[in-house]
Amino acid sequence: MIPVCRLEDLPAGESVRLDTTPPVAVFNADGELYAIDDTCSHQDASLSEGWLEGCLVECPLHAASFDLRTGSPTCLPARRPVRTHQVYVEDGVIHVLVAADAGAVHTGAGEKGSAA
């Protein structure tokens, strides 16, 4: 598991980018934590720099939108999903378990320890 930041350091409506390979973005969507691959599947753009509305993030480059819960695109021009990753909160620290398989898609966020 990769430590991200303290829970209080990621307020609702905000995101943080992890410089992993590939990069991962962690979002606080109205108190629910989600992690997805940070690169838009349509073109190289950082989703952590996009606009968050509910459980959707809009790519800042061409307005493709992705569901944070599933990684699925919700509109064109994106056609391929991005991977999702499991998120845990332990002792007030957000952690991400990055999917090992490039084809893996995890749904939902898990919690361990402190509640999100």
N, C-alpha and C. Protein backbone atom coordinates (compact mmCIF):
# COMPACT_ATOMS: atom_id res chain seq x y z
N MET A 1 0.86 -1.19 0.00
CA MET A 1 0.00 0.00 0.00
C MET A 1 0.89 1.24 0.00
N ILE A 2 0.44 2.22 -0.72
CA ILE A 2 1.19 3.47 -0.84
C ILE A 2 0.51 4.54 0.02
N PRO A 3 1.24 5.14 0.97
CA PRO A 3 0.65 6.24 1.73
C PRO A 3 0.49 7.47 0.84
N VAL A 4 -0.65 8.13 0.96
CA VAL A 4 -0.96 9.29 0.11
C VAL A 4 -0.78 10.58 0.89
N CYS A 5 -1.58 10.76 1.92
CA CYS A 5 -1.54 11.94 2.77
C CYS A 5 -2.48 11.71 3.94
N ARG A 6 -2.50 12.63 4.87
CA ARG A 6 -3.45 12.54 5.98
C ARG A 6 -4.84 12.86 5.42
N LEU A 7 -5.84 12.24 5.99
CA LEU A 7 -7.22 12.42 5.54
C LEU A 7 -7.62 13.89 5.55
N GLU A 8 -7.23 14.63 6.59
CA GLU A 8 -7.62 16.04 6.68
C GLU A 8 -6.89 16.92 5.66
N ASP A 9 -5.86 16.38 5.01
CA ASP A 9 -5.13 17.14 4.00
C ASP A 9 -5.72 16.99 2.59
N LEU A 10 -6.80 16.20 2.46
CA LEU A 10 -7.46 16.04 1.18
C LEU A 10 -8.95 16.37 1.37
N PRO A 11 -9.28 17.67 1.33
CA PRO A 11 -10.68 18.08 1.56
C PRO A 11 -11.61 17.63 0.43
N ALA A 12 -12.89 17.60 0.74
CA ALA A 12 -13.91 17.24 -0.26
C ALA A 12 -13.76 18.12 -1.50
N GLY A 13 -13.87 17.49 -2.66
CA GLY A 13 -13.77 18.22 -3.93
C GLY A 13 -12.35 18.37 -4.44
N GLU A 14 -11.39 17.82 -3.73
CA GLU A 14 -9.98 17.97 -4.12
C GLU A 14 -9.40 16.62 -4.55
N SER A 15 -8.22 16.70 -5.17
CA SER A 15 -7.52 15.48 -5.59
C SER A 15 -6.03 15.67 -5.38
N VAL A 16 -5.32 14.54 -5.40
CA VAL A 16 -3.87 14.56 -5.30
C VAL A 16 -3.32 13.53 -6.28
N ARG A 17 -2.20 13.86 -6.89
CA ARG A 17 -1.55 12.96 -7.86
C ARG A 17 -0.39 12.26 -7.19
N LEU A 18 -0.30 10.95 -7.42
CA LEU A 18 0.84 10.17 -6.94
C LEU A 18 1.76 9.91 -8.12
N ASP A 19 3.03 10.19 -7.95
CA ASP A 19 4.00 9.98 -9.02
C ASP A 19 4.48 8.53 -9.01
N THR A 20 3.54 7.63 -9.26
CA THR A 20 3.83 6.21 -9.38
C THR A 20 3.93 5.89 -10.85
N THR A 21 4.18 4.62 -11.19
CA THR A 21 4.21 4.22 -12.58
C THR A 21 3.14 3.18 -12.80
N PRO A 22 2.05 3.47 -13.47
CA PRO A 22 1.66 4.78 -13.98
C PRO A 22 1.17 5.68 -12.86
N PRO A 23 1.06 6.99 -13.12
CA PRO A 23 0.57 7.92 -12.09
C PRO A 23 -0.86 7.58 -11.68
N VAL A 24 -1.16 7.82 -10.41
CA VAL A 24 -2.48 7.56 -9.84
C VAL A 24 -3.02 8.86 -9.26
N ALA A 25 -4.32 9.08 -9.41
CA ALA A 25 -4.98 10.25 -8.82
C ALA A 25 -5.93 9.76 -7.73
N VAL A 26 -5.91 10.44 -6.58
CA VAL A 26 -6.81 10.12 -5.47
C VAL A 26 -7.75 11.31 -5.31
N PHE A 27 -9.05 11.02 -5.25
CA PHE A 27 -10.08 12.05 -5.17
C PHE A 27 -10.88 11.92 -3.89
N ASN A 28 -11.28 13.05 -3.34
CA ASN A 28 -12.25 13.09 -2.24
C ASN A 28 -13.53 13.65 -2.85
N ALA A 29 -14.45 12.77 -3.17
CA ALA A 29 -15.73 13.16 -3.79
C ALA A 29 -16.79 13.18 -2.71
N ASP A 30 -17.00 14.35 -2.13
CA ASP A 30 -18.01 14.53 -1.08
C ASP A 30 -17.82 13.55 0.07
N GLY A 31 -16.56 13.36 0.48
CA GLY A 31 -16.26 12.50 1.62
C GLY A 31 -15.96 11.06 1.27
N GLU A 32 -16.19 10.65 0.02
CA GLU A 32 -15.85 9.29 -0.43
C GLU A 32 -14.51 9.37 -1.18
N LEU A 33 -13.63 8.43 -0.89
CA LEU A 33 -12.31 8.43 -1.50
C LEU A 33 -12.24 7.43 -2.65
N TYR A 34 -11.64 7.87 -3.75
CA TYR A 34 -11.49 7.03 -4.94
C TYR A 34 -10.10 7.23 -5.51
N ALA A 35 -9.57 6.18 -6.15
CA ALA A 35 -8.28 6.28 -6.83
C ALA A 35 -8.41 5.66 -8.21
N ILE A 36 -7.88 6.37 -9.20
CA ILE A 36 -7.89 5.90 -10.59
C ILE A 36 -6.53 6.23 -11.20
N ASP A 37 -6.23 5.58 -12.33
CA ASP A 37 -5.05 5.99 -13.07
C ASP A 37 -5.23 7.46 -13.45
N ASP A 38 -4.16 8.23 -13.35
CA ASP A 38 -4.27 9.67 -13.53
C ASP A 38 -4.29 10.11 -14.99
N THR A 39 -3.97 9.24 -15.91
CA THR A 39 -3.88 9.64 -17.31
C THR A 39 -5.16 9.28 -18.06
N CYS A 40 -5.75 10.26 -18.70
CA CYS A 40 -6.96 10.05 -19.51
C CYS A 40 -6.67 9.01 -20.58
N SER A 41 -7.62 8.10 -20.79
CA SER A 41 -7.44 7.04 -21.78
C SER A 41 -7.59 7.54 -23.22
N HIS A 42 -8.07 8.76 -23.39
CA HIS A 42 -8.22 9.33 -24.73
C HIS A 42 -6.93 9.98 -25.20
N GLN A 43 -6.30 10.75 -24.31
CA GLN A 43 -5.07 11.44 -24.66
C GLN A 43 -4.35 11.77 -23.37
N ASP A 44 -3.05 11.97 -23.42
CA ASP A 44 -2.26 12.20 -22.21
C ASP A 44 -2.63 13.51 -21.53
N ALA A 45 -3.49 13.41 -20.54
CA ALA A 45 -3.87 14.56 -19.72
C ALA A 45 -4.06 14.05 -18.30
N SER A 46 -3.69 14.87 -17.33
CA SER A 46 -3.80 14.49 -15.93
C SER A 46 -5.23 14.68 -15.43
N LEU A 47 -5.87 13.57 -15.05
CA LEU A 47 -7.24 13.65 -14.54
C LEU A 47 -7.30 14.34 -13.19
N SER A 48 -6.20 14.33 -12.44
CA SER A 48 -6.19 15.03 -11.14
C SER A 48 -6.31 16.54 -11.33
N GLU A 49 -6.08 17.02 -12.53
CA GLU A 49 -6.22 18.44 -12.84
C GLU A 49 -7.59 18.75 -13.44
N GLY A 50 -8.44 17.73 -13.51
CA GLY A 50 -9.78 17.89 -14.09
C GLY A 50 -10.77 18.44 -13.10
N TRP A 51 -12.03 18.48 -13.52
CA TRP A 51 -13.12 19.02 -12.71
C TRP A 51 -13.91 17.89 -12.11
N LEU A 52 -14.12 17.95 -10.81
CA LEU A 52 -14.82 16.91 -10.07
C LEU A 52 -16.25 17.34 -9.81
N GLU A 53 -17.20 16.47 -10.17
CA GLU A 53 -18.61 16.73 -9.90
C GLU A 53 -19.24 15.41 -9.47
N GLY A 54 -19.55 15.32 -8.18
CA GLY A 54 -20.05 14.07 -7.63
C GLY A 54 -19.00 13.00 -7.78
N CYS A 55 -19.36 11.88 -8.42
CA CYS A 55 -18.42 10.77 -8.64
C CYS A 55 -17.83 10.79 -10.04
N LEU A 56 -17.90 11.93 -10.72
CA LEU A 56 -17.36 12.04 -12.07
C LEU A 56 -16.22 13.04 -12.09
N VAL A 57 -15.20 12.71 -12.88
CA VAL A 57 -14.12 13.66 -13.12
C VAL A 57 -14.06 13.92 -14.62
N GLU A 58 -13.97 15.19 -14.96
CA GLU A 58 -13.89 15.60 -16.36
C GLU A 58 -12.45 15.91 -16.72
N CYS A 59 -11.98 15.31 -17.78
CA CYS A 59 -10.61 15.55 -18.26
C CYS A 59 -10.45 17.01 -18.66
N PRO A 60 -9.35 17.64 -18.26
CA PRO A 60 -9.16 19.06 -18.58
C PRO A 60 -8.83 19.32 -20.05
N LEU A 61 -8.53 18.27 -20.82
CA LEU A 61 -8.10 18.49 -22.19
C LEU A 61 -9.26 18.49 -23.20
N HIS A 62 -10.05 17.44 -23.22
CA HIS A 62 -11.13 17.35 -24.21
C HIS A 62 -12.48 17.04 -23.59
N ALA A 63 -12.63 17.22 -22.29
CA ALA A 63 -13.90 17.08 -21.58
C ALA A 63 -14.45 15.66 -21.53
N ALA A 64 -13.60 14.65 -21.75
CA ALA A 64 -14.05 13.28 -21.51
C ALA A 64 -14.31 13.16 -20.01
N SER A 65 -15.29 12.37 -19.64
CA SER A 65 -15.67 12.24 -18.23
C SER A 65 -15.56 10.78 -17.82
N PHE A 66 -15.11 10.53 -16.58
CA PHE A 66 -14.93 9.18 -16.07
C PHE A 66 -15.65 9.04 -14.73
N ASP A 67 -16.25 7.87 -14.52
CA ASP A 67 -16.88 7.54 -13.25
C ASP A 67 -15.79 7.05 -12.31
N LEU A 68 -15.59 7.73 -11.19
CA LEU A 68 -14.54 7.36 -10.25
C LEU A 68 -14.77 5.98 -9.63
N ARG A 69 -16.01 5.53 -9.58
CA ARG A 69 -16.34 4.25 -8.96
C ARG A 69 -15.93 3.07 -9.82
N THR A 70 -15.98 3.25 -11.14
CA THR A 70 -15.73 2.13 -12.06
C THR A 70 -14.59 2.38 -13.03
N GLY A 71 -14.21 3.64 -13.22
CA GLY A 71 -13.19 4.00 -14.21
C GLY A 71 -13.75 4.11 -15.62
N SER A 72 -15.04 3.83 -15.79
CA SER A 72 -15.65 3.85 -17.13
C SER A 72 -15.84 5.27 -17.63
N PRO A 73 -15.59 5.49 -18.92
CA PRO A 73 -15.89 6.79 -19.49
C PRO A 73 -17.40 6.96 -19.59
N THR A 74 -17.87 8.17 -19.39
CA THR A 74 -19.31 8.43 -19.45
C THR A 74 -19.69 9.22 -20.69
N CYS A 75 -18.69 9.67 -21.44
CA CYS A 75 -18.96 10.39 -22.69
C CYS A 75 -17.72 10.38 -23.56
N LEU A 76 -17.92 10.70 -24.81
CA LEU A 76 -16.81 10.81 -25.76
C LEU A 76 -16.02 12.08 -25.46
N PRO A 77 -14.77 12.17 -25.83
CA PRO A 77 -14.11 11.31 -26.79
C PRO A 77 -13.47 10.04 -26.19
N ALA A 78 -13.45 9.88 -24.88
CA ALA A 78 -12.86 8.68 -24.28
C ALA A 78 -13.76 7.48 -24.54
N ARG A 79 -13.13 6.36 -24.87
CA ARG A 79 -13.86 5.12 -25.12
C ARG A 79 -13.40 4.00 -24.18
N ARG A 80 -12.15 4.09 -23.70
CA ARG A 80 -11.59 3.05 -22.84
C ARG A 80 -11.61 3.50 -21.38
N PRO A 81 -11.87 2.58 -20.46
CA PRO A 81 -11.85 2.94 -19.04
C PRO A 81 -10.43 3.15 -18.53
N VAL A 82 -10.32 3.78 -17.39
CA VAL A 82 -9.05 3.86 -16.66
C VAL A 82 -9.16 2.88 -15.49
N ARG A 83 -8.02 2.40 -15.02
CA ARG A 83 -8.04 1.48 -13.88
C ARG A 83 -8.45 2.20 -12.61
N THR A 84 -9.14 1.50 -11.77
CA THR A 84 -9.44 2.00 -10.43
C THR A 84 -8.58 1.22 -9.44
N HIS A 85 -8.36 1.82 -8.27
CA HIS A 85 -7.50 1.21 -7.26
C HIS A 85 -8.20 1.29 -5.91
N GLN A 86 -7.89 0.37 -5.03
CA GLN A 86 -8.50 0.34 -3.71
C GLN A 86 -7.88 1.42 -2.83
N VAL A 87 -8.75 2.07 -2.04
CA VAL A 87 -8.33 3.13 -1.13
C VAL A 87 -8.68 2.70 0.29
N TYR A 88 -7.74 2.91 1.20
CA TYR A 88 -7.94 2.59 2.61
C TYR A 88 -7.54 3.78 3.45
N VAL A 89 -8.20 3.94 4.58
CA VAL A 89 -7.79 4.94 5.57
C VAL A 89 -7.38 4.16 6.81
N GLU A 90 -6.15 4.35 7.23
CA GLU A 90 -5.62 3.66 8.39
C GLU A 90 -4.91 4.67 9.28
N ASP A 91 -5.38 4.78 10.51
CA ASP A 91 -4.83 5.74 11.47
C ASP A 91 -4.80 7.16 10.93
N GLY A 92 -5.86 7.53 10.21
CA GLY A 92 -5.98 8.88 9.69
C GLY A 92 -5.17 9.17 8.45
N VAL A 93 -4.53 8.14 7.87
CA VAL A 93 -3.71 8.31 6.67
C VAL A 93 -4.37 7.55 5.52
N ILE A 94 -4.49 8.22 4.38
CA ILE A 94 -5.04 7.60 3.17
C ILE A 94 -3.94 6.76 2.53
N HIS A 95 -4.30 5.53 2.14
CA HIS A 95 -3.40 4.63 1.43
C HIS A 95 -4.09 4.13 0.16
N VAL A 96 -3.29 3.84 -0.85
CA VAL A 96 -3.81 3.27 -2.09
C VAL A 96 -3.11 1.95 -2.35
N LEU A 97 -3.90 0.96 -2.70
CA LEU A 97 -3.37 -0.32 -3.15
C LEU A 97 -3.50 -0.32 -4.66
N VAL A 98 -2.38 -0.11 -5.34
CA VAL A 98 -2.38 0.00 -6.80
C VAL A 98 -2.58 -1.38 -7.40
N ALA A 99 -3.51 -1.48 -8.35
CA ALA A 99 -3.79 -2.75 -9.03
C ALA A 99 -2.53 -3.23 -9.71
N ALA A 100 -2.16 -4.48 -9.46
CA ALA A 100 -0.93 -5.04 -10.02
C ALA A 100 -1.07 -5.35 -11.50
N ASP A 101 -2.24 -5.79 -11.91
CA ASP A 101 -2.49 -6.18 -13.29
C ASP A 101 -2.96 -4.97 -14.08
N ALA A 102 -2.31 -4.69 -15.19
CA ALA A 102 -2.68 -3.53 -16.00
C ALA A 102 -4.11 -3.61 -16.49
N GLY A 103 -4.70 -4.81 -16.53
CA GLY A 103 -6.07 -4.94 -16.98
C GLY A 103 -7.08 -4.96 -15.83
N ALA A 104 -6.59 -4.91 -14.59
CA ALA A 104 -7.48 -5.01 -13.44
C ALA A 104 -8.28 -3.74 -13.24
N VAL A 105 -9.51 -3.91 -12.90
CA VAL A 105 -10.36 -2.78 -12.54
C VAL A 105 -11.03 -3.14 -11.22
N HIS A 106 -10.78 -2.34 -10.19
CA HIS A 106 -11.39 -2.55 -8.89
C HIS A 106 -12.57 -1.60 -8.77
N THR A 107 -13.65 -2.06 -8.21
CA THR A 107 -14.78 -1.17 -7.99
C THR A 107 -14.91 -0.88 -6.52
N GLY A 108 -15.25 0.35 -6.20
CA GLY A 108 -15.48 0.75 -4.82
C GLY A 108 -14.19 1.04 -4.09
N ALA A 109 -14.33 1.67 -2.94
CA ALA A 109 -13.20 2.00 -2.08
C ALA A 109 -13.34 1.24 -0.79
N GLY A 110 -12.26 0.74 -0.28
CA GLY A 110 -12.29 0.03 1.00
C GLY A 110 -11.84 0.94 2.11
N GLU A 111 -12.16 0.57 3.32
CA GLU A 111 -11.74 1.33 4.48
C GLU A 111 -11.19 0.37 5.50
N LYS A 112 -10.16 0.79 6.16
CA LYS A 112 -9.57 0.01 7.21
C LYS A 112 -9.15 1.00 8.28
N GLY A 113 -9.46 0.76 9.52
CA GLY A 113 -9.08 1.70 10.56
C GLY A 113 -10.06 2.84 10.65
N SER A 114 -9.58 4.08 10.51
CA SER A 114 -10.43 5.27 10.63
C SER A 114 -11.42 5.34 9.49
N ALA A 115 -12.58 5.87 9.79
CA ALA A 115 -13.61 6.04 8.77
C ALA A 115 -13.31 7.24 7.90
N ALA A 116 -13.67 7.15 6.65
CA ALA A 116 -13.44 8.26 5.71
C ALA A 116 -14.53 9.28 5.82
